[in-house]
Every structure is written in C-alpha cells, then in structure tokens.
Amino acid sequence: MKARMIGVLLLGWVFGVVCMVGLNSPLQAQRQGPKPPFANPIRQRAEMISLLKEIRDLLREQNALLKSGKIRVGNQLGPSP
C-alpha cells in the first residue's frame, strides 16, 4: 500500500513537471512571433503627409477662386421672410 502511494505521488509529480515544461516551451513562443503593439508608424506618417498635401492643394485652389472674384456666394435656401 505504501509503495503504491509513493508510485502515485511520483507519477503525479512527473506529470506536473511535464505539463509545466510543455507550457513554458520556448518553441511555442518562437512560432507565434512578436506582434507590434501599435500600427506601423512609417506607414501612418506617409498617409498623413499625403492627406496634408491633398488638403494644401484644395486650399490653394479655393484661395485662387476667391482671389479671382469668379465665385459668387449666394443663399441656397431661398429668400428670407
């Protein structure tokens, strides 16, 4: 009976060690690879620069129209009472 109890405890200990080693395996960490916590800052910066250039061009066009006097601003809703 005592030998059987020692065998069960030893088997449980071995099982526990194998599970711990299996869960903390360095191979699993290498397979997944690190994920960056944020988006790619270089791509974000390039997108922001292109959007700002587009806005700059639109503002230049708008300023040219306002300076030329060819644009008329009117009330689209109709006459007021």
Protein backbone atom coordinates (compact mmCIF):
# COMPACT_ATOMS: atom_id res chain seq x y z
CA MET A 1 0.00 0.00 0.00
CA LYS A 2 2.83 2.39 0.88
CA ALA A 3 4.69 1.55 -2.34
CA ARG A 4 1.53 2.16 -4.35
CA MET A 5 1.08 5.59 -2.71
CA ILE A 6 4.69 6.54 -3.50
CA GLY A 7 4.19 5.42 -7.10
CA VAL A 8 1.05 7.54 -7.47
CA LEU A 9 2.76 10.58 -5.97
CA LEU A 10 5.80 10.10 -8.19
CA LEU A 11 3.60 9.72 -11.25
CA GLY A 12 1.70 12.90 -10.32
CA TRP A 13 4.94 14.79 -9.81
CA VAL A 14 6.31 13.68 -13.20
CA PHE A 15 3.02 14.60 -14.86
CA GLY A 16 3.14 18.05 -13.25
CA VAL A 17 6.74 18.66 -14.33
CA VAL A 18 5.98 17.57 -17.90
CA CYS A 19 2.96 19.90 -18.04
CA MET A 20 4.96 22.85 -16.72
CA VAL A 21 7.79 22.27 -19.17
CA GLY A 22 5.31 21.84 -22.02
CA LEU A 23 3.51 25.09 -21.20
CA ASN A 24 6.71 27.10 -20.92
CA SER A 25 8.32 25.71 -24.04
CA PRO A 26 10.45 28.22 -25.91
CA LEU A 27 9.37 26.63 -29.20
CA GLN A 28 5.82 27.86 -28.77
CA ALA A 29 6.99 31.42 -28.20
CA GLN A 30 9.14 31.33 -31.34
CA ARG A 31 6.32 30.06 -33.55
CA GLN A 32 3.96 32.95 -32.81
CA GLY A 33 6.48 35.75 -33.22
CA PRO A 34 6.20 39.17 -31.64
CA LYS A 35 3.29 41.38 -32.67
CA PRO A 36 3.85 45.12 -32.66
CA PRO A 37 1.61 46.82 -30.09
CA PHE A 38 0.74 49.69 -32.45
CA ALA A 39 0.27 50.22 -36.16
CA ASN A 40 3.23 50.87 -38.42
CA PRO A 41 4.28 54.48 -37.68
CA ILE A 42 6.11 54.91 -41.00
CA ARG A 43 3.01 53.98 -42.98
CA GLN A 44 0.85 56.25 -40.81
CA ARG A 45 3.23 59.16 -41.33
CA ALA A 46 3.26 58.66 -45.11
CA GLU A 47 -0.54 58.55 -45.21
CA MET A 48 -0.77 61.70 -43.09
CA ILE A 49 1.67 63.54 -45.37
CA SER A 50 -0.29 62.59 -48.49
CA LEU A 51 -3.56 63.75 -46.89
CA LEU A 52 -2.00 67.05 -45.83
CA LYS A 53 -0.69 67.61 -49.38
CA GLU A 54 -4.16 66.98 -50.76
CA ILE A 55 -5.65 69.49 -48.29
CA ARG A 56 -2.96 72.04 -49.21
CA ASP A 57 -3.79 71.70 -52.90
CA LEU A 58 -7.51 72.12 -52.24
CA LEU A 59 -6.87 75.22 -50.14
CA ARG A 60 -4.72 76.72 -52.89
CA GLU A 61 -7.50 76.10 -55.40
CA GLN A 62 -10.07 77.65 -53.08
CA ASN A 63 -7.88 80.71 -52.44
CA ALA A 64 -7.32 81.17 -56.18
CA LEU A 65 -11.08 81.11 -56.77
CA LEU A 66 -11.71 83.64 -54.00
CA LYS A 67 -8.98 85.99 -55.27
CA SER A 68 -10.20 85.85 -58.87
CA GLY A 69 -13.70 87.03 -57.99
CA LYS A 70 -15.29 84.41 -60.25
CA ILE A 71 -17.14 82.82 -57.37
CA ARG A 72 -20.45 84.11 -56.09
CA VAL A 73 -21.72 83.21 -52.68
CA GLY A 74 -25.48 83.08 -52.52
CA ASN A 75 -28.26 81.84 -50.29
CA GLN A 76 -29.21 78.32 -51.34
CA LEU A 77 -32.31 78.21 -49.14
CA GLY A 78 -34.21 80.96 -50.92
CA PRO A 79 -35.36 84.40 -49.82
CA SER A 80 -35.81 85.02 -46.14
CA PRO A 81 -39.19 86.32 -44.90
